[in-house]
Structures are given as structure tokens and as C-alpha cells.
Amino acid sequence: MSPPRSFPRRTFLQGMLAAPFFAASARAAEAPVLVDPARGPGAGWTIAVFPDTQNYAKYAKNQAHFDLMTRWVKEHRQAWNIGLVMHEGDLVEQNNIAVGGGRGFGDQNSESQWKSAKRALQVFDGVIPTVFATGNHDYGERSAEDRTTQFNDYFPLTHNPLTCDGKGGGIFLEGPPTRDGKVTLENAAYVLKVPGGRDLLVVALEWAPRGFVVEWARELLARPRFRDHLGILLIHDYLLPSNLRDGQDGNRKRPGNPHWYKTGLTGDTHDGEDLWQALVRKTPNLRLVLNGHEMGAHVGYRQDANDAGKAVHQMLFNAQGLGGGSDHRGNGGDGWLRLLTFEPDGRTLSVRTFSPLRLQEGRQHYWDDPRWRFSVDLGA
């Protein structure tokens, strides 16, 4: 293993976007080097982040690509020192259909889609702890017509003993009761102890979180015992490719905004701006927000100071429209996943975007672009 690398802590001011209310973002000046994926960075530890995987699940021919992605992470967990796996939601395209969707909605029924997601992700059971957000397609019939879901049938609380073994083991801390009074992984908090670094407090929330869920998360993050933890929020919808939070421009009628879906028509829901105002900005130790859901450029980033003056790094990463998108000729998302490496200096987070599918096919397997490969300074 090579000695730890030290990343400069200089920052640069990104250019202002056209929207006058966009907050300029400060990032670490040096982007992480593109290392040999088989060898990893040689220092630090890594979170592997999976974006929306619905286009793998809904086509029979694409399901193997998600298997390849999870298998690569498992097989390279030591090279990258992968200590956690995250999924940003939309595990499937349709939560509850009896036959293949057709009309661009895939060729697999929901049972096949959920089984595919389960098969791909269960390689981490007992190997790497896993954390999930749930997306709009994981609810209702096709897309959040209501809040019924099969997620808990395939990923129950104790599905991975490293996440929760039901006996006090695993990284799971607690969660609020859901519809039937049971605690599930739809809304859950996790504590990850990091050797030589700040321990993590990860909060993963349901699609379009309801008011009681947000209040639970706010109260938990404010507990004195977590004052020095690094807080991470995993949520399906939050940041847009424009680098605005969803709803920041006041448009709650935009298709894709949580208020636009049937689950949001009652008003008991939160989009990105709602979450910023009700939770993120008020929480001093919440420093990183991760989401998927949005397409277009598929990525976004912004940094804002919370009410305590601490920088909050907000990142969109999705890939479902790449590699052919929803078209049946596509490959489901080109195999892209994100590798977040916490460097040994205790401050720098290196962001790389990598595709084991493209590596297997002999294509460019890193996305070498400043929106897909960059570093941020998490500060003290």
C-alpha cells in the first residue's frame, strides 16, 4: 500500500450560474487522480454510491449489468477500502405491475424487477453494510400513485446483518414507525465508526418525506451525542442539474417535483428546498446531501452555509438516462457508480465516477469531467 496522499486545502470559487440566486460553490482545487480501478487509491476509505437502477431492473437483458456493478464493488472492497454501500432510490421501474410494462416501461413485471434488485444487492449481505433511500418508482403501481411499496418485502430491516441483525448488531441506529407501526429501512439512521476519523451519522429518508419523518430526523441529528459526527442525508430527490434545490425557484408543479405526484397532493411532503429550510440548514452537523432522481445533465453540485456557518455539500448523481436511457436498445445506465473516498487528512472527500460495465467492454471507464470528478473540503 502506498503512503497516504495529501490533498491541498486551497479552494476556488466556481463561476456563477445564470440564475442570480445560485450560491457560488467552493471546492477543493485539486481533482482526484484517476487511479487503476483494480488497485484503488491506496489510502483513505470509500463509500460506493449506486444511482437509480430502474432501467436495469425493468429489462431482462439489462439485469445482469446491475449484478456486474455490485459484484465489482464486492470484489474490490479491499482495494478501495469500501466501508459502506448506498443506493439513492428507484430500485425498480414499477413497484406493483403484474405483467411487463411495455410502451417504454420495460418487459419485466414487478416481481422480476424486485427479485433482480435483491439478487444484485444481496452480495453485500454480511460483507458490506448497505443503506437505501426509496424513490418514487418504488411506490404505488408505477410511480408514487400512493405509498404502498414492496421494498420492505425484499429489503426488510434485518436483510443484511451488517446493517441490522435484529440483536443490536450492525450500523442501524433507529427509525420512526411507518404506516403499520413497524420500523423499516424506508426511514432509518445509521452510525458508522471510522478508524482515525470522524464517525458518520447517516440518515436515509423515504421518497418525498412526510412531516413527521423530517421532524424525527431533525431531532435525532440535534442530539448532543452526535454533535461531532459527520452527518450525511441520503434522499431520492433534492438537487436539480441546474444546481438549484428542487423547489428553490418556487415551482412545485414541475413534473418530477415531489409535490407533483399523487403522494404529494395532500401537502404532507418535502422537496429539496423544503428539506433545506426544515432540516438541512438548521442542522450544524449535517454536511453532505446525496440524491438521484433527476436526469438532464444527471449531475449537480452546490455548497451553502448552514445556520451555523458550516459548509453543506449537496450532490446530485444519476445515470439512468445514459447508455440509451429507457429505450429497449439501451443498457440501463452505462454501469456508472460513484466512489466517494474520505482521504486520510480527515477533510478531503474525493469524488470519482466509474463504470465496471464500460471497463469490461474496453471503453473509457472513468468520467473525466469536473462535474463528475472533483474534491471537496469537508472542513473540521
Protein backbone atom coordinates (compact mmCIF):
# COMPACT_ATOMS: atom_id res chain seq x y z
CA MET A 1 0.00 0.00 0.00
CA SER A 2 1.39 3.39 -0.97
CA PRO A 3 1.73 6.11 1.68
CA PRO A 4 -1.27 8.41 2.22
CA ARG A 5 -1.57 11.23 -0.25
CA SER A 6 -2.13 14.75 0.98
CA PHE A 7 -4.58 16.89 -0.99
CA PRO A 8 -4.20 20.68 -0.99
CA ARG A 9 -6.80 22.54 1.03
CA ARG A 10 -6.89 25.51 -1.29
CA THR A 11 -10.32 26.30 -2.65
CA PHE A 12 -11.51 28.01 -5.76
CA LEU A 13 -14.69 29.91 -6.45
CA GLN A 14 -16.79 28.38 -9.14
CA GLY A 15 -18.35 30.62 -11.72
CA MET A 16 -21.79 31.96 -11.01
CA LEU A 17 -24.56 30.25 -12.96
CA ALA A 18 -27.05 32.30 -14.89
CA ALA A 19 -29.64 32.23 -12.11
CA PRO A 20 -28.86 35.18 -9.83
CA PHE A 21 -29.95 33.29 -6.71
CA PHE A 22 -27.48 30.45 -7.21
CA ALA A 23 -24.96 30.28 -4.36
CA ALA A 24 -21.39 30.05 -5.66
CA SER A 25 -19.66 26.85 -4.64
CA ALA A 26 -16.19 26.44 -3.19
CA ARG A 27 -14.45 23.15 -3.90
CA ALA A 28 -11.01 21.79 -3.21
CA ALA A 29 -8.73 22.91 -6.06
CA GLU A 30 -7.25 19.52 -6.94
CA ALA A 31 -9.42 16.86 -8.55
CA PRO A 32 -8.61 13.28 -7.50
CA VAL A 33 -6.28 11.34 -9.78
CA LEU A 34 -7.73 8.61 -11.98
CA VAL A 35 -6.23 5.56 -10.31
CA ASP A 36 -6.11 1.99 -11.58
CA PRO A 37 -9.59 0.77 -10.55
CA ALA A 38 -8.21 -2.67 -9.70
CA ARG A 39 -5.72 -1.19 -7.22
CA GLY A 40 -7.76 1.67 -5.82
CA PRO A 41 -6.45 4.96 -4.39
CA GLY A 42 -4.09 3.34 -1.89
CA ALA A 43 -5.32 5.31 1.10
CA GLY A 44 -8.48 6.53 2.77
CA TRP A 45 -11.80 4.70 2.78
CA THR A 46 -14.69 4.74 0.34
CA ILE A 47 -18.48 4.79 0.06
CA ALA A 48 -19.86 3.22 -3.13
CA VAL A 49 -23.00 5.03 -4.33
CA PHE A 50 -25.47 3.48 -6.76
CA PRO A 51 -27.80 5.82 -8.66
CA ASP A 52 -31.31 4.92 -9.85
CA THR A 53 -31.18 1.33 -11.12
CA GLN A 54 -34.71 1.07 -12.52
CA ASN A 55 -33.57 0.70 -16.14
CA TYR A 56 -31.51 -2.34 -15.22
CA ALA A 57 -34.41 -3.95 -13.38
CA LYS A 58 -37.14 -3.44 -15.97
CA TYR A 59 -35.40 -5.14 -18.92
CA ALA A 60 -34.37 -8.79 -18.71
CA LYS A 61 -31.26 -8.16 -20.80
CA ASN A 62 -30.09 -5.33 -18.52
CA GLN A 63 -30.47 -7.04 -15.17
CA ALA A 64 -27.03 -8.62 -15.48
CA HIS A 65 -25.44 -5.15 -15.62
CA PHE A 66 -26.55 -4.34 -12.08
CA ASP A 67 -25.21 -7.73 -10.99
CA LEU A 68 -21.87 -6.80 -12.57
CA MET A 69 -21.77 -3.45 -10.76
CA THR A 70 -22.43 -4.87 -7.31
CA ARG A 71 -20.08 -7.78 -7.89
CA TRP A 72 -17.29 -5.36 -8.87
CA VAL A 73 -17.77 -3.38 -5.66
CA LYS A 74 -17.67 -6.54 -3.58
CA GLU A 75 -14.58 -7.89 -5.31
CA HIS A 76 -12.72 -4.55 -4.98
CA ARG A 77 -13.81 -3.66 -1.47
CA GLN A 78 -10.30 -4.15 -0.10
CA ALA A 79 -8.54 -2.21 -2.87
CA TRP A 80 -10.83 0.75 -2.29
CA ASN A 81 -11.39 0.09 1.42
CA ILE A 82 -15.15 0.25 0.82
CA GLY A 83 -16.91 0.54 4.16
CA LEU A 84 -20.45 1.40 3.05
CA VAL A 85 -22.78 1.00 0.07
CA MET A 86 -25.56 3.49 -0.64
CA HIS A 87 -28.46 3.32 -3.10
CA GLU A 88 -30.23 6.56 -3.99
CA GLY A 89 -33.64 5.02 -4.73
CA ASP A 90 -35.75 3.83 -7.66
CA LEU A 91 -34.56 0.29 -7.31
CA VAL A 92 -37.31 -0.69 -9.77
CA GLU A 93 -39.32 0.95 -12.53
CA GLN A 94 -42.72 -0.24 -11.33
CA ASN A 95 -43.47 -1.32 -7.78
CA ASN A 96 -46.59 -3.32 -8.49
CA ILE A 97 -47.43 -4.45 -12.03
CA ALA A 98 -48.41 -8.00 -12.94
CA VAL A 99 -47.01 -8.00 -16.49
CA GLY A 100 -44.15 -6.25 -18.25
CA GLY A 101 -44.75 -2.54 -18.61
CA GLY A 102 -44.50 -2.12 -22.38
CA ARG A 103 -44.56 1.30 -24.10
CA GLY A 104 -41.01 2.08 -22.96
CA PHE A 105 -41.68 0.83 -19.44
CA GLY A 106 -39.66 -2.35 -19.85
CA ASP A 107 -40.51 -6.01 -20.35
CA GLN A 108 -40.38 -7.31 -16.77
CA ASN A 109 -43.15 -7.49 -14.20
CA SER A 110 -42.59 -6.07 -10.73
CA GLU A 111 -41.81 -9.41 -9.14
CA SER A 112 -38.94 -9.89 -11.59
CA GLN A 113 -37.71 -6.34 -11.03
CA TRP A 114 -37.65 -6.62 -7.23
CA LYS A 115 -36.00 -10.04 -7.40
CA SER A 116 -33.35 -8.63 -9.71
CA ALA A 117 -32.60 -5.76 -7.32
CA LYS A 118 -32.48 -8.17 -4.42
CA ARG A 119 -30.16 -10.58 -6.24
CA ALA A 120 -27.74 -7.82 -7.20
CA LEU A 121 -27.59 -6.20 -3.76
CA GLN A 122 -27.58 -9.31 -1.61
CA VAL A 123 -23.91 -9.90 -2.50
CA PHE A 124 -23.20 -7.29 0.20
CA ASP A 125 -25.10 -9.16 2.92
CA GLY A 126 -22.62 -9.92 5.68
CA VAL A 127 -19.84 -8.28 3.63
CA ILE A 128 -20.53 -4.51 3.46
CA PRO A 129 -23.34 -2.61 5.23
CA THR A 130 -25.95 -1.13 2.90
CA VAL A 131 -28.12 1.99 3.18
CA PHE A 132 -31.08 2.79 0.92
CA ALA A 133 -33.25 5.74 0.04
CA THR A 134 -36.54 4.87 -1.64
CA GLY A 135 -37.66 6.54 -4.87
CA ASN A 136 -40.98 7.41 -6.46
CA HIS A 137 -40.92 4.29 -8.65
CA ASP A 138 -40.61 2.13 -5.54
CA TYR A 139 -44.16 3.16 -4.52
CA GLY A 140 -47.68 2.78 -5.88
CA GLU A 141 -48.29 0.90 -9.11
CA ARG A 142 -45.87 2.60 -11.47
CA SER A 143 -44.73 5.83 -9.82
CA ALA A 144 -45.92 7.06 -6.42
CA GLU A 145 -49.66 6.82 -7.00
CA ASP A 146 -49.74 6.04 -3.28
CA ARG A 147 -47.27 4.98 -0.55
CA THR A 148 -47.64 1.22 -0.83
CA THR A 149 -44.33 -0.49 -1.57
CA GLN A 150 -42.74 -3.92 -1.88
CA PHE A 151 -39.41 -2.53 -0.74
CA ASN A 152 -39.82 -3.97 2.75
CA ASP A 153 -40.68 -7.43 1.40
CA TYR A 154 -37.32 -7.66 -0.34
CA PHE A 155 -35.19 -5.48 1.96
CA PRO A 156 -36.53 -5.98 5.48
CA LEU A 157 -34.87 -4.43 8.49
CA THR A 158 -32.56 -7.41 9.04
CA HIS A 159 -31.82 -8.34 5.41
CA ASN A 160 -28.09 -7.59 5.87
CA PRO A 161 -26.67 -8.40 9.34
CA LEU A 162 -24.01 -5.71 8.92
CA THR A 163 -26.82 -3.20 8.52
CA CYS A 164 -29.04 -4.66 11.25
CA ASP A 165 -29.03 -8.16 12.73
CA GLY A 166 -32.04 -7.64 15.00
CA LYS A 167 -29.90 -8.19 18.09
CA GLY A 168 -28.22 -4.81 18.42
CA GLY A 169 -25.51 -5.52 15.86
CA GLY A 170 -24.91 -3.62 12.64
CA ILE A 171 -24.79 0.07 11.87
CA PHE A 172 -28.56 0.64 12.16
CA LEU A 173 -29.45 3.01 14.98
CA GLU A 174 -33.20 3.67 14.81
CA GLY A 175 -36.10 4.69 12.62
CA PRO A 176 -39.61 6.06 13.12
CA PRO A 177 -42.59 3.68 12.81
CA THR A 178 -44.23 3.67 9.38
CA ARG A 179 -47.81 3.00 8.22
CA ASP A 180 -48.34 -0.23 10.16
CA GLY A 181 -46.38 0.83 13.24
CA LYS A 182 -43.26 -1.08 12.23
CA VAL A 183 -39.73 0.25 11.88
CA THR A 184 -38.34 -0.26 8.37
CA LEU A 185 -35.38 0.89 6.31
CA GLU A 186 -37.56 3.42 4.46
CA ASN A 187 -36.58 5.92 7.14
CA ALA A 188 -33.53 4.99 9.15
CA ALA A 189 -30.45 6.35 10.87
CA TYR A 190 -27.07 4.63 10.93
CA VAL A 191 -23.85 5.20 12.84
CA LEU A 192 -20.62 4.19 11.16
CA LYS A 193 -17.46 4.23 13.25
CA VAL A 194 -14.49 5.37 11.21
CA PRO A 195 -11.00 4.43 12.48
CA GLY A 196 -8.92 7.56 12.84
CA GLY A 197 -11.65 9.86 11.54
CA ARG A 198 -14.98 11.42 12.34
CA ASP A 199 -17.75 8.91 12.89
CA LEU A 200 -20.65 9.16 10.45
CA LEU A 201 -24.33 9.64 11.21
CA VAL A 202 -26.23 8.71 8.05
CA VAL A 203 -29.94 9.46 7.73
CA ALA A 204 -31.80 7.88 4.81
CA LEU A 205 -35.34 9.05 4.13
CA GLU A 206 -38.34 7.86 2.17
CA TRP A 207 -39.50 9.25 -1.14
CA ALA A 208 -40.98 12.75 -0.60
CA PRO A 209 -40.60 12.54 3.19
CA ARG A 210 -43.59 13.46 5.31
CA GLY A 211 -43.55 15.97 8.11
CA PHE A 212 -43.21 13.54 11.00
CA VAL A 213 -40.23 11.90 9.27
CA VAL A 214 -38.42 15.20 8.83
CA GLU A 215 -39.08 16.14 12.44
CA TRP A 216 -37.70 12.78 13.59
CA ALA A 217 -34.54 13.33 11.54
CA ARG A 218 -34.09 16.88 12.86
CA GLU A 219 -34.45 15.77 16.49
CA LEU A 220 -32.06 12.85 16.05
CA LEU A 221 -29.33 14.91 14.36
CA ALA A 222 -29.60 17.52 17.14
CA ARG A 223 -28.86 15.08 19.95
CA PRO A 224 -25.70 16.08 21.87
CA ARG A 225 -24.10 12.65 21.38
CA PHE A 226 -23.92 13.31 17.63
CA ARG A 227 -22.53 16.84 17.82
CA ASP A 228 -19.15 15.81 16.46
CA HIS A 229 -20.40 13.25 13.94
CA LEU A 230 -20.32 13.97 10.22
CA GLY A 231 -23.97 13.96 9.17
CA ILE A 232 -24.99 12.65 5.73
CA LEU A 233 -28.51 12.84 4.29
CA LEU A 234 -29.42 10.26 1.62
CA ILE A 235 -32.60 11.20 -0.22
CA HIS A 236 -34.05 10.42 -3.65
CA ASP A 237 -34.99 13.97 -4.70
CA TYR A 238 -33.16 17.10 -3.59
CA LEU A 239 -30.83 18.84 -6.08
CA LEU A 240 -31.51 19.57 -9.77
CA PRO A 241 -29.00 19.53 -12.66
CA SER A 242 -29.27 23.34 -12.64
CA ASN A 243 -27.59 23.20 -9.21
CA LEU A 244 -30.77 24.55 -7.64
CA ARG A 245 -32.58 22.62 -4.97
CA ASP A 246 -35.84 21.19 -6.25
CA GLY A 247 -38.49 23.80 -5.47
CA GLN A 248 -35.97 26.57 -4.83
CA ASP A 249 -37.46 28.58 -7.68
CA GLY A 250 -40.94 28.18 -6.18
CA ASN A 251 -42.15 25.80 -8.91
CA ARG A 252 -43.84 22.87 -7.17
CA LYS A 253 -45.81 21.93 -10.30
CA ARG A 254 -42.76 20.77 -12.26
CA PRO A 255 -43.09 17.08 -13.26
CA GLY A 256 -40.59 15.30 -11.05
CA ASN A 257 -41.07 17.56 -8.03
CA PRO A 258 -42.47 15.53 -5.09
CA HIS A 259 -45.47 17.87 -4.82
CA TRP A 260 -46.44 16.96 -8.39
CA TYR A 261 -47.04 13.27 -7.61
CA LYS A 262 -50.18 11.88 -6.05
CA THR A 263 -48.23 11.19 -2.87
CA GLY A 264 -47.61 14.93 -2.61
CA LEU A 265 -51.03 16.33 -3.39
CA THR A 266 -52.05 16.40 0.28
CA GLY A 267 -49.19 18.78 1.02
CA ASP A 268 -47.52 16.48 3.54
CA THR A 269 -44.32 16.12 1.57
CA HIS A 270 -40.90 17.72 1.22
CA ASP A 271 -38.92 18.56 -1.90
CA GLY A 272 -35.30 19.70 -1.86
CA GLU A 273 -35.97 23.30 -0.83
CA ASP A 274 -38.45 22.15 1.81
CA LEU A 275 -35.77 19.87 3.25
CA TRP A 276 -33.18 22.65 3.20
CA GLN A 277 -35.45 25.01 5.11
CA ALA A 278 -36.89 22.47 7.57
CA LEU A 279 -33.88 20.27 8.23
CA VAL A 280 -30.56 20.78 6.47
CA ARG A 281 -29.86 24.45 7.14
CA LYS A 282 -30.88 24.08 10.80
CA THR A 283 -28.58 21.15 11.49
CA PRO A 284 -24.92 22.09 12.20
CA ASN A 285 -23.51 18.57 11.79
CA LEU A 286 -25.35 17.73 8.54
CA ARG A 287 -22.64 18.44 5.98
CA LEU A 288 -23.34 16.23 2.96
CA VAL A 289 -26.54 15.58 0.99
CA LEU A 290 -26.73 12.93 -1.76
CA ASN A 291 -29.59 12.36 -4.20
CA GLY A 292 -30.54 10.83 -7.54
CA HIS A 293 -33.89 11.07 -9.39
CA GLU A 294 -33.06 13.91 -11.80
CA MET A 295 -31.92 13.47 -15.38
CA GLY A 296 -30.77 16.04 -17.93
CA ALA A 297 -27.10 16.52 -17.07
CA HIS A 298 -27.58 13.81 -14.42
CA VAL A 299 -25.23 15.57 -12.02
CA GLY A 300 -25.27 18.73 -9.93
CA TYR A 301 -23.43 20.32 -7.05
CA ARG A 302 -23.80 23.29 -4.75
CA GLN A 303 -22.38 24.45 -1.47
CA ASP A 304 -24.21 26.61 1.02
CA ALA A 305 -23.50 27.68 4.57
CA ASN A 306 -25.97 26.37 7.12
CA ASP A 307 -27.24 28.48 10.01
CA ALA A 308 -24.12 27.59 12.00
CA GLY A 309 -21.88 28.86 9.19
CA LYS A 310 -20.74 25.36 8.20
CA ALA A 311 -20.45 24.37 4.56
CA VAL A 312 -23.04 21.87 3.30
CA HIS A 313 -22.07 19.96 0.15
CA GLN A 314 -25.11 18.93 -1.90
CA MET A 315 -24.61 16.47 -4.76
CA LEU A 316 -26.87 15.05 -7.44
CA PHE A 317 -25.68 11.88 -9.16
CA ASN A 318 -27.82 9.83 -11.51
CA ALA A 319 -27.14 7.84 -14.67
CA GLN A 320 -30.45 6.28 -15.70
CA GLY A 321 -30.70 8.27 -18.93
CA LEU A 322 -27.22 7.24 -20.08
CA GLY A 323 -26.32 4.22 -22.16
CA GLY A 324 -29.55 4.51 -24.13
CA GLY A 325 -31.79 5.53 -21.26
CA SER A 326 -35.24 3.96 -21.16
CA ASP A 327 -35.10 2.70 -24.74
CA HIS A 328 -35.14 -1.09 -25.00
CA ARG A 329 -31.92 -0.89 -27.00
CA GLY A 330 -30.15 0.80 -24.09
CA ASN A 331 -28.07 -0.88 -21.41
CA GLY A 332 -29.80 0.62 -18.37
CA GLY A 333 -27.39 3.39 -17.37
CA ASP A 334 -23.94 2.53 -18.75
CA GLY A 335 -22.88 0.95 -15.43
CA TRP A 336 -21.88 4.22 -13.75
CA LEU A 337 -21.45 4.31 -10.00
CA ARG A 338 -19.85 6.91 -7.73
CA LEU A 339 -16.90 6.29 -5.43
CA LEU A 340 -16.61 8.75 -2.54
CA THR A 341 -13.22 8.45 -0.87
CA PHE A 342 -12.55 10.07 2.51
CA GLU A 343 -8.89 10.96 2.42
CA PRO A 344 -6.50 10.40 5.37
CA ASP A 345 -6.26 14.16 6.05
CA GLY A 346 -9.71 13.94 7.61
CA ARG A 347 -11.05 16.79 5.48
CA THR A 348 -10.94 15.93 1.79
CA LEU A 349 -13.68 13.96 0.04
CA SER A 350 -12.60 12.71 -3.40
CA VAL A 351 -15.40 12.08 -5.88
CA ARG A 352 -14.83 9.72 -8.80
CA THR A 353 -17.42 8.29 -11.21
CA PHE A 354 -16.59 4.84 -12.56
CA SER A 355 -18.24 2.17 -14.71
CA PRO A 356 -17.29 -1.51 -14.41
CA LEU A 357 -19.55 -2.18 -17.40
CA ARG A 358 -17.57 0.15 -19.63
CA LEU A 359 -14.33 -1.28 -18.24
CA GLN A 360 -15.50 -4.77 -19.21
CA GLU A 361 -16.38 -3.52 -22.70
CA GLY A 362 -13.00 -1.81 -23.16
CA ARG A 363 -14.46 1.71 -23.17
CA GLN A 364 -13.49 4.77 -21.13
CA HIS A 365 -14.45 3.71 -17.62
CA TYR A 366 -13.94 6.96 -15.67
CA TRP A 367 -15.99 10.05 -16.37
CA ASP A 368 -13.19 12.59 -16.66
CA ASP A 369 -15.10 15.83 -16.29
CA PRO A 370 -15.08 18.36 -13.41
CA ARG A 371 -18.77 17.75 -12.72
CA TRP A 372 -18.15 14.03 -12.38
CA ARG A 373 -14.64 14.04 -10.84
CA PHE A 374 -13.81 16.55 -8.12
CA SER A 375 -12.87 17.01 -4.47
CA VAL A 376 -14.49 18.97 -1.67
CA ASP A 377 -13.20 20.15 1.68
CA LEU A 378 -15.44 18.86 4.46
CA GLY A 379 -13.66 21.06 6.97
CA ALA A 380 -13.46 20.49 10.69
